[in-house]
Amino acid sequence: MLAERIDTWNQQLREQSLHEGQRQGLEQGLEKGLQQGLQQGLLRGLKARFGTIDAVTQKRIAAADGDLLLHWFDRSARAESLADVFRD
């Protein structure tokens, strides 16, 4: 009887762990996808507006977090030059 309950508890723990792992994986995947979409969208917009984007700027965009990418998006709408987008 006790052994059966322990087996049941262990099975429930495994299932909970699996569901938690799946949820975390989904969240991480969505965050990564959003980040990549922001990077690609920003690069595309900057290329359309300012022409060729140098490798240093591309690497800077690739390394940026989502908040910074959104900040640059906002700036790019008003910027007169590529340097205006990335000024500190």
PDB file of N, CA and C in Angstrom:
ATOM      1  N   MET A   1       0.825  -1.191   0.000  1.00  0.00           N
ATOM      2  CA  MET A   1       0.000   0.000   0.000  1.00  0.00           C
ATOM      3  C   MET A   1       0.869   1.255   0.000  1.00  0.00           C
ATOM      4  N   LEU A   2       1.811   1.344   0.929  1.00  0.00           N
ATOM      5  CA  LEU A   2       2.698   2.496   1.011  1.00  0.00           C
ATOM      6  C   LEU A   2       3.585   2.570  -0.232  1.00  0.00           C
ATOM      7  N   ALA A   3       4.059   1.436  -0.679  1.00  0.00           N
ATOM      8  CA  ALA A   3       4.902   1.408  -1.871  1.00  0.00           C
ATOM      9  C   ALA A   3       4.136   1.911  -3.092  1.00  0.00           C
ATOM     10  N   GLU A   4       2.850   1.565  -3.192  1.00  0.00           N
ATOM     11  CA  GLU A   4       2.027   2.044  -4.306  1.00  0.00           C
ATOM     12  C   GLU A   4       1.843   3.553  -4.250  1.00  0.00           C
ATOM     13  N   ARG A   5       1.650   4.087  -3.046  1.00  0.00           N
ATOM     14  CA  ARG A   5       1.503   5.537  -2.890  1.00  0.00           C
ATOM     15  C   ARG A   5       2.794   6.254  -3.268  1.00  0.00           C
ATOM     16  N   ILE A   6       3.906   5.700  -2.861  1.00  0.00           N
ATOM     17  CA  ILE A   6       5.200   6.306  -3.208  1.00  0.00           C
ATOM     18  C   ILE A   6       5.395   6.299  -4.714  1.00  0.00           C
ATOM     19  N   ASP A   7       5.028   5.187  -5.358  1.00  0.00           N
ATOM     20  CA  ASP A   7       5.116   5.113  -6.819  1.00  0.00           C
ATOM     21  C   ASP A   7       4.215   6.164  -7.472  1.00  0.00           C
ATOM     22  N   THR A   8       3.019   6.344  -6.928  1.00  0.00           N
ATOM     23  CA  THR A   8       2.082   7.341  -7.454  1.00  0.00           C
ATOM     24  C   THR A   8       2.656   8.745  -7.286  1.00  0.00           C
ATOM     25  N   TRP A   9       3.214   9.036  -6.119  1.00  0.00           N
ATOM     26  CA  TRP A   9       3.803  10.360  -5.869  1.00  0.00           C
ATOM     27  C   TRP A   9       4.969  10.617  -6.816  1.00  0.00           C
ATOM     28  N   ASN A  10       5.792   9.606  -6.980  1.00  0.00           N
ATOM     29  CA  ASN A  10       6.933   9.750  -7.891  1.00  0.00           C
ATOM     30  C   ASN A  10       6.461  10.020  -9.314  1.00  0.00           C
ATOM     31  N   GLN A  11       5.427   9.325  -9.754  1.00  0.00           N
ATOM     32  CA  GLN A  11       4.882   9.547 -11.091  1.00  0.00           C
ATOM     33  C   GLN A  11       4.325  10.958 -11.218  1.00  0.00           C
ATOM     34  N   GLN A  12       3.618  11.421 -10.183  1.00  0.00           N
ATOM     35  CA  GLN A  12       3.079  12.781 -10.203  1.00  0.00           C
ATOM     36  C   GLN A  12       4.201  13.815 -10.262  1.00  0.00           C
ATOM     37  N   LEU A  13       5.269  13.598  -9.515  1.00  0.00           N
ATOM     38  CA  LEU A  13       6.413  14.516  -9.544  1.00  0.00           C
ATOM     39  C   LEU A  13       7.065  14.545 -10.920  1.00  0.00           C
ATOM     40  N   ARG A  14       7.217  13.385 -11.543  1.00  0.00           N
ATOM     41  CA  ARG A  14       7.794  13.324 -12.884  1.00  0.00           C
ATOM     42  C   ARG A  14       6.927  14.095 -13.879  1.00  0.00           C
ATOM     43  N   GLU A  15       5.613  13.908 -13.788  1.00  0.00           N
ATOM     44  CA  GLU A  15       4.703  14.603 -14.688  1.00  0.00           C
ATOM     45  C   GLU A  15       4.745  16.113 -14.463  1.00  0.00           C
ATOM     46  N   GLN A  16       4.777  16.540 -13.208  1.00  0.00           N
ATOM     47  CA  GLN A  16       4.859  17.966 -12.908  1.00  0.00           C
ATOM     48  C   GLN A  16       6.164  18.553 -13.432  1.00  0.00           C
ATOM     49  N   SER A  17       7.249  17.819 -13.255  1.00  0.00           N
ATOM     50  CA  SER A  17       8.549  18.276 -13.749  1.00  0.00           C
ATOM     51  C   SER A  17       8.557  18.385 -15.267  1.00  0.00           C
ATOM     52  N   LEU A  18       7.968  17.424 -15.923  1.00  0.00           N
ATOM     53  CA  LEU A  18       7.887  17.441 -17.382  1.00  0.00           C
ATOM     54  C   LEU A  18       7.086  18.647 -17.859  1.00  0.00           C
ATOM     55  N   HIS A  19       5.936  18.888 -17.240  1.00  0.00           N
ATOM     56  CA  HIS A  19       5.097  20.026 -17.639  1.00  0.00           C
ATOM     57  C   HIS A  19       5.812  21.351 -17.368  1.00  0.00           C
ATOM     58  N   GLU A  20       6.495  21.441 -16.249  1.00  0.00           N
ATOM     59  CA  GLU A  20       7.231  22.669 -15.934  1.00  0.00           C
ATOM     60  C   GLU A  20       8.363  22.886 -16.939  1.00  0.00           C
ATOM     61  N   GLY A  21       9.055  21.821 -17.284  1.00  0.00           N
ATOM     62  CA  GLY A  21      10.120  21.925 -18.276  1.00  0.00           C
ATOM     63  C   GLY A  21       9.598  22.344 -19.639  1.00  0.00           C
ATOM     64  N   GLN A  22       8.457  21.796 -20.026  1.00  0.00           N
ATOM     65  CA  GLN A  22       7.849  22.174 -21.298  1.00  0.00           C
ATOM     66  C   GLN A  22       7.442  23.643 -21.293  1.00  0.00           C
ATOM     67  N   ARG A  23       6.865  24.093 -20.190  1.00  0.00           N
ATOM     68  CA  ARG A  23       6.442  25.493 -20.085  1.00  0.00           C
ATOM     69  C   ARG A  23       7.639  26.425 -20.163  1.00  0.00           C
ATOM     70  N   GLN A  24       8.700  26.087 -19.438  1.00  0.00           N
ATOM     71  CA  GLN A  24       9.903  26.920 -19.477  1.00  0.00           C
ATOM     72  C   GLN A  24      10.518  26.933 -20.863  1.00  0.00           C
ATOM     73  N   GLY A  25      10.550  25.785 -21.514  1.00  0.00           N
ATOM     74  CA  GLY A  25      11.096  25.716 -22.867  1.00  0.00           C
ATOM     75  C   GLY A  25      10.300  26.553 -23.845  1.00  0.00           C
ATOM     76  N   LEU A  26       8.993  26.519 -23.724  1.00  0.00           N
ATOM     77  CA  LEU A  26       8.130  27.315 -24.591  1.00  0.00           C
ATOM     78  C   LEU A  26       8.372  28.802 -24.359  1.00  0.00           C
ATOM     79  N   GLU A  27       8.448  29.216 -23.106  1.00  0.00           N
ATOM     80  CA  GLU A  27       8.699  30.624 -22.798  1.00  0.00           C
ATOM     81  C   GLU A  27      10.045  31.083 -23.359  1.00  0.00           C
ATOM     82  N   GLN A  28      11.070  30.267 -23.171  1.00  0.00           N
ATOM     83  CA  GLN A  28      12.393  30.620 -23.688  1.00  0.00           C
ATOM     84  C   GLN A  28      12.386  30.692 -25.207  1.00  0.00           C
ATOM     85  N   GLY A  29      11.697  29.762 -25.839  1.00  0.00           N
ATOM     86  CA  GLY A  29      11.613  29.765 -27.298  1.00  0.00           C
ATOM     87  C   GLY A  29      10.894  31.001 -27.821  1.00  0.00           C
ATOM     88  N   LEU A  30       9.817  31.379 -27.150  1.00  0.00           N
ATOM     89  CA  LEU A  30       9.084  32.573 -27.565  1.00  0.00           C
ATOM     90  C   LEU A  30       9.930  33.831 -27.392  1.00  0.00           C
ATOM     91  N   GLU A  31      10.646  33.922 -26.278  1.00  0.00           N
ATOM     92  CA  GLU A  31      11.511  35.079 -26.044  1.00  0.00           C
ATOM     93  C   GLU A  31      12.603  35.166 -27.099  1.00  0.00           C
ATOM     94  N   LYS A  32      13.214  34.032 -27.404  1.00  0.00           N
ATOM     95  CA  LYS A  32      14.276  34.014 -28.403  1.00  0.00           C
ATOM     96  C   LYS A  32      13.729  34.382 -29.780  1.00  0.00           C
ATOM     97  N   GLY A  33      12.564  33.865 -30.112  1.00  0.00           N
ATOM     98  CA  GLY A  33      11.944  34.185 -31.400  1.00  0.00           C
ATOM     99  C   GLY A  33      11.598  35.662 -31.508  1.00  0.00           C
ATOM    100  N   LEU A  34      11.081  36.227 -30.431  1.00  0.00           N
ATOM    101  CA  LEU A  34      10.768  37.653 -30.417  1.00  0.00           C
ATOM    102  C   LEU A  34      12.033  38.483 -30.587  1.00  0.00           C
ATOM    103  N   GLN A  35      13.089  38.111 -29.885  1.00  0.00           N
ATOM    104  CA  GLN A  35      14.356  38.823 -29.977  1.00  0.00           C
ATOM    105  C   GLN A  35      14.902  38.777 -31.410  1.00  0.00           C
ATOM    106  N   GLN A  36      14.868  37.613 -32.015  1.00  0.00           N
ATOM    107  CA  GLN A  36      15.358  37.484 -33.386  1.00  0.00           C
ATOM    108  C   GLN A  36      14.496  38.293 -34.353  1.00  0.00           C
ATOM    109  N   GLY A  37      13.199  38.295 -34.130  1.00  0.00           N
ATOM    110  CA  GLY A  37      12.315  39.085 -34.976  1.00  0.00           C
ATOM    111  C   GLY A  37      12.598  40.574 -34.857  1.00  0.00           C
ATOM    112  N   LEU A  38      12.842  41.039 -33.635  1.00  0.00           N
ATOM    113  CA  LEU A  38      13.189  42.446 -33.432  1.00  0.00           C
ATOM    114  C   LEU A  38      14.504  42.789 -34.124  1.00  0.00           C
ATOM    115  N   GLN A  39      15.481  41.914 -34.001  1.00  0.00           N
ATOM    116  CA  GLN A  39      16.781  42.149 -34.639  1.00  0.00           C
ATOM    117  C   GLN A  39      16.634  42.235 -36.148  1.00  0.00           C
ATOM    118  N   GLN A  40      15.940  41.269 -36.727  1.00  0.00           N
ATOM    119  CA  GLN A  40      15.775  41.243 -38.176  1.00  0.00           C
ATOM    120  C   GLN A  40      14.958  42.432 -38.666  1.00  0.00           C
ATOM    121  N   GLY A  41      13.909  42.770 -37.928  1.00  0.00           N
ATOM    122  CA  GLY A  41      13.084  43.907 -38.309  1.00  0.00           C
ATOM    123  C   GLY A  41      13.843  45.217 -38.253  1.00  0.00           C
ATOM    124  N   LEU A  42      14.645  45.390 -37.201  1.00  0.00           N
ATOM    125  CA  LEU A  42      15.437  46.610 -37.076  1.00  0.00           C
ATOM    126  C   LEU A  42      16.458  46.704 -38.205  1.00  0.00           C
ATOM    127  N   LEU A  43      17.152  45.616 -38.470  1.00  0.00           N
ATOM    128  CA  LEU A  43      18.128  45.625 -39.567  1.00  0.00           C
ATOM    129  C   LEU A  43      17.462  45.948 -40.903  1.00  0.00           C
ATOM    130  N   ARG A  44      16.333  45.337 -41.137  1.00  0.00           N
ATOM    131  CA  ARG A  44      15.632  45.574 -42.405  1.00  0.00           C
ATOM    132  C   ARG A  44      15.201  47.038 -42.535  1.00  0.00           C
ATOM    133  N   GLY A  45      14.658  47.584 -41.460  1.00  0.00           N
ATOM    134  CA  GLY A  45      14.241  48.984 -41.478  1.00  0.00           C
ATOM    135  C   GLY A  45      15.404  49.938 -41.664  1.00  0.00           C
ATOM    136  N   LEU A  46      16.503  49.641 -40.970  1.00  0.00           N
ATOM    137  CA  LEU A  46      17.686  50.505 -41.090  1.00  0.00           C
ATOM    138  C   LEU A  46      18.279  50.439 -42.493  1.00  0.00           C
ATOM    139  N   LYS A  47      18.311  49.252 -43.080  1.00  0.00           N
ATOM    140  CA  LYS A  47      18.822  49.113 -44.445  1.00  0.00           C
ATOM    141  C   LYS A  47      17.951  49.886 -45.434  1.00  0.00           C
ATOM    142  N   ALA A  48      16.648  49.803 -45.241  1.00  0.00           N
ATOM    143  CA  ALA A  48      15.738  50.515 -46.140  1.00  0.00           C
ATOM    144  C   ALA A  48      15.907  52.022 -46.011  1.00  0.00           C
ATOM    145  N   ARG A  49      16.198  52.469 -44.828  1.00  0.00           N
ATOM    146  CA  ARG A  49      16.276  53.910 -44.579  1.00  0.00           C
ATOM    147  C   ARG A  49      17.658  54.489 -44.840  1.00  0.00           C
ATOM    148  N   PHE A  50      18.712  53.746 -44.436  1.00  0.00           N
ATOM    149  CA  PHE A  50      20.065  54.297 -44.481  1.00  0.00           C
ATOM    150  C   PHE A  50      21.032  53.550 -45.397  1.00  0.00           C
ATOM    151  N   GLY A  51      20.581  52.481 -46.016  1.00  0.00           N
ATOM    152  CA  GLY A  51      21.459  51.728 -46.909  1.00  0.00           C
ATOM    153  C   GLY A  51      22.207  50.626 -46.173  1.00  0.00           C
ATOM    154  N   THR A  52      23.365  50.282 -46.666  1.00  0.00           N
ATOM    155  CA  THR A  52      24.156  49.190 -46.119  1.00  0.00           C
ATOM    156  C   THR A  52      24.490  49.426 -44.646  1.00  0.00           C
ATOM    157  N   ILE A  53      24.373  48.368 -43.849  1.00  0.00           N
ATOM    158  CA  ILE A  53      24.675  48.434 -42.424  1.00  0.00           C
ATOM    159  C   ILE A  53      25.999  47.698 -42.198  1.00  0.00           C
ATOM    160  N   ASP A  54      26.951  48.392 -41.587  1.00  0.00           N
ATOM    161  CA  ASP A  54      28.289  47.805 -41.396  1.00  0.00           C
ATOM    162  C   ASP A  54      28.244  46.643 -40.396  1.00  0.00           C
ATOM    163  N   ALA A  55      29.288  45.822 -40.444  1.00  0.00           N
ATOM    164  CA  ALA A  55      29.355  44.609 -39.619  1.00  0.00           C
ATOM    165  C   ALA A  55      29.354  44.926 -38.129  1.00  0.00           C
ATOM    166  N   VAL A  56      29.999  45.999 -37.731  1.00  0.00           N
ATOM    167  CA  VAL A  56      30.045  46.369 -36.308  1.00  0.00           C
ATOM    168  C   VAL A  56      28.637  46.673 -35.802  1.00  0.00           C
ATOM    169  N   THR A  57      27.867  47.402 -36.579  1.00  0.00           N
ATOM    170  CA  THR A  57      26.496  47.737 -36.193  1.00  0.00           C
ATOM    171  C   THR A  57      25.628  46.488 -36.182  1.00  0.00           C
ATOM    172  N   GLN A  58      25.820  45.604 -37.141  1.00  0.00           N
ATOM    173  CA  GLN A  58      25.065  44.352 -37.165  1.00  0.00           C
ATOM    174  C   GLN A  58      25.357  43.519 -35.916  1.00  0.00           C
ATOM    175  N   LYS A  59      26.611  43.463 -35.511  1.00  0.00           N
ATOM    176  CA  LYS A  59      26.979  42.716 -34.297  1.00  0.00           C
ATOM    177  C   LYS A  59      26.387  43.377 -33.058  1.00  0.00           C
ATOM    178  N   ARG A  60      26.364  44.687 -33.051  1.00  0.00           N
ATOM    179  CA  ARG A  60      25.778  45.417 -31.920  1.00  0.00           C
ATOM    180  C   ARG A  60      24.289  45.094 -31.786  1.00  0.00           C
ATOM    181  N   ILE A  61      23.614  45.042 -32.894  1.00  0.00           N
ATOM    182  CA  ILE A  61      22.188  44.696 -32.897  1.00  0.00           C
ATOM    183  C   ILE A  61      21.999  43.251 -32.428  1.00  0.00           C
ATOM    184  N   ALA A  62      22.844  42.353 -32.906  1.00  0.00           N
ATOM    185  CA  ALA A  62      22.736  40.934 -32.547  1.00  0.00           C
ATOM    186  C   ALA A  62      22.964  40.706 -31.055  1.00  0.00           C
ATOM    187  N   ALA A  63      23.748  41.565 -30.420  1.00  0.00           N
ATOM    188  CA  ALA A  63      24.069  41.401 -29.006  1.00  0.00           C
ATOM    189  C   ALA A  63      23.090  42.121 -28.073  1.00  0.00           C
ATOM    190  N   ALA A  64      22.212  42.936 -28.624  1.00  0.00           N
ATOM    191  CA  ALA A  64      21.327  43.766 -27.800  1.00  0.00           C
ATOM    192  C   ALA A  64      20.149  42.965 -27.244  1.00  0.00           C
ATOM    193  N   ASP A  65      19.674  43.384 -26.072  1.00  0.00           N
ATOM    194  CA  ASP A  65      18.481  42.756 -25.510  1.00  0.00           C
ATOM    195  C   ASP A  65      17.227  43.407 -26.096  1.00  0.00           C
ATOM    196  N   GLY A  66      16.085  42.828 -25.791  1.00  0.00           N
ATOM    197  CA  GLY A  66      14.830  43.293 -26.373  1.00  0.00           C
ATOM    198  C   GLY A  66      14.496  44.743 -26.072  1.00  0.00           C
ATOM    199  N   ASP A  67      14.749  45.184 -24.842  1.00  0.00           N
ATOM    200  CA  ASP A  67      14.441  46.569 -24.479  1.00  0.00           C
ATOM    201  C   ASP A  67      15.267  47.561 -25.289  1.00  0.00           C
ATOM    202  N   LEU A  68      16.541  47.261 -25.453  1.00  0.00           N
ATOM    203  CA  LEU A  68      17.410  48.147 -26.225  1.00  0.00           C
ATOM    204  C   LEU A  68      17.007  48.149 -27.697  1.00  0.00           C
ATOM    205  N   LEU A  69      16.650  46.989 -28.219  1.00  0.00           N
ATOM    206  CA  LEU A  69      16.197  46.922 -29.608  1.00  0.00           C
ATOM    207  C   LEU A  69      14.958  47.787 -29.819  1.00  0.00           C
ATOM    208  N   LEU A  70      14.011  47.725 -28.886  1.00  0.00           N
ATOM    209  CA  LEU A  70      12.812  48.557 -28.996  1.00  0.00           C
ATOM    210  C   LEU A  70      13.152  50.038 -28.910  1.00  0.00           C
ATOM    211  N   HIS A  71      14.105  50.382 -28.072  1.00  0.00           N
ATOM    212  CA  HIS A  71      14.569  51.767 -27.957  1.00  0.00           C
ATOM    213  C   HIS A  71      15.145  52.244 -29.297  1.00  0.00           C
ATOM    214  N   TRP A  72      15.960  51.402 -29.916  1.00  0.00           N
ATOM    215  CA  TRP A  72      16.536  51.754 -31.213  1.00  0.00           C
ATOM    216  C   TRP A  72      15.458  51.845 -32.290  1.00  0.00           C
ATOM    217  N   PHE A  73      14.453  50.963 -32.223  1.00  0.00           N
ATOM    218  CA  PHE A  73      13.333  51.058 -33.157  1.00  0.00           C
ATOM    219  C   PHE A  73      12.687  52.431 -33.064  1.00  0.00           C
ATOM    220  N   ASP A  74      12.404  52.858 -31.853  1.00  0.00           N
ATOM    221  CA  ASP A  74      11.776  54.163 -31.651  1.00  0.00           C
ATOM    222  C   ASP A  74      12.645  55.281 -32.209  1.00  0.00           C
ATOM    223  N   ARG A  75      13.928  55.223 -31.937  1.00  0.00           N
ATOM    224  CA  ARG A  75      14.842  56.248 -32.443  1.00  0.00           C
ATOM    225  C   ARG A  75      14.932  56.230 -33.958  1.00  0.00           C
ATOM    226  N   SER A  76      14.891  55.044 -34.534  1.00  0.00           N
ATOM    227  CA  SER A  76      15.072  54.941 -35.992  1.00  0.00           C
ATOM    228  C   SER A  76      13.962  55.662 -36.751  1.00  0.00           C
ATOM    229  N   ALA A  77      12.809  55.791 -36.138  1.00  0.00           N
ATOM    230  CA  ALA A  77      11.698  56.479 -36.800  1.00  0.00           C
ATOM    231  C   ALA A  77      11.961  57.971 -36.951  1.00  0.00           C
ATOM    232  N   ARG A  78      12.764  58.537 -36.052  1.00  0.00           N
ATOM    233  CA  ARG A  78      13.029  59.982 -36.072  1.00  0.00           C
ATOM    234  C   ARG A  78      14.457  60.334 -36.493  1.00  0.00           C
ATOM    235  N   ALA A  79      15.313  59.338 -36.583  1.00  0.00           N
ATOM    236  CA  ALA A  79      16.736  59.590 -36.824  1.00  0.00           C
ATOM    237  C   ALA A  79      16.987  60.139 -38.225  1.00  0.00           C
ATOM    238  N   GLU A  80      17.928  61.055 -38.289  1.00  0.00           N
ATOM    239  CA  GLU A  80      18.337  61.590 -39.589  1.00  0.00           C
ATOM    240  C   GLU A  80      19.521  60.826 -40.160  1.00  0.00           C
ATOM    241  N   SER A  81      20.193  60.050 -39.285  1.00  0.00           N
ATOM    242  CA  SER A  81      21.329  59.243 -39.731  1.00  0.00           C
ATOM    243  C   SER A  81      21.381  57.977 -38.889  1.00  0.00           C
ATOM    244  N   LEU A  82      22.164  57.013 -39.352  1.00  0.00           N
ATOM    245  CA  LEU A  82      22.348  55.775 -38.612  1.00  0.00           C
ATOM    246  C   LEU A  82      22.980  56.063 -37.254  1.00  0.00           C
ATOM    247  N   ALA A  83      23.894  57.011 -37.211  1.00  0.00           N
ATOM    248  CA  ALA A  83      24.550  57.356 -35.935  1.00  0.00           C
ATOM    249  C   ALA A  83      23.536  57.872 -34.912  1.00  0.00           C
ATOM    250  N   ASP A  84      22.494  58.565 -35.371  1.00  0.00           N
ATOM    251  CA  ASP A  84      21.468  59.072 -34.469  1.00  0.00           C
ATOM    252  C   ASP A  84      20.730  57.936 -33.757  1.00  0.00           C
ATOM    253  N   VAL A  85      20.569  56.825 -34.422  1.00  0.00           N
ATOM    254  CA  VAL A  85      19.862  55.686 -33.850  1.00  0.00           C
ATOM    255  C   VAL A  85      20.627  55.126 -32.651  1.00  0.00           C
ATOM    256  N   PHE A  86      21.955  55.105 -32.765  1.00  0.00           N
ATOM    257  CA  PHE A  86      22.786  54.417 -31.772  1.00  0.00           C
ATOM    258  C   PHE A  86      23.530  55.351 -30.813  1.00  0.00           C
ATOM    259  N   ARG A  87      23.255  56.625 -30.882  1.00  0.00           N
ATOM    260  CA  ARG A  87      23.951  57.538 -29.983  1.00  0.00           C
ATOM    261  C   ARG A  87      23.594  57.226 -28.539  1.00  0.00           C
ATOM    262  N   ASP A  88      24.523  57.482 -27.650  1.00  0.00           N
ATOM    263  CA  ASP A  88      24.288  57.178 -26.217  1.00  0.00           C
ATOM    264  C   ASP A  88      23.691  58.319 -25.475  1.00  0.00           C
TER     265      ASP A  88
END
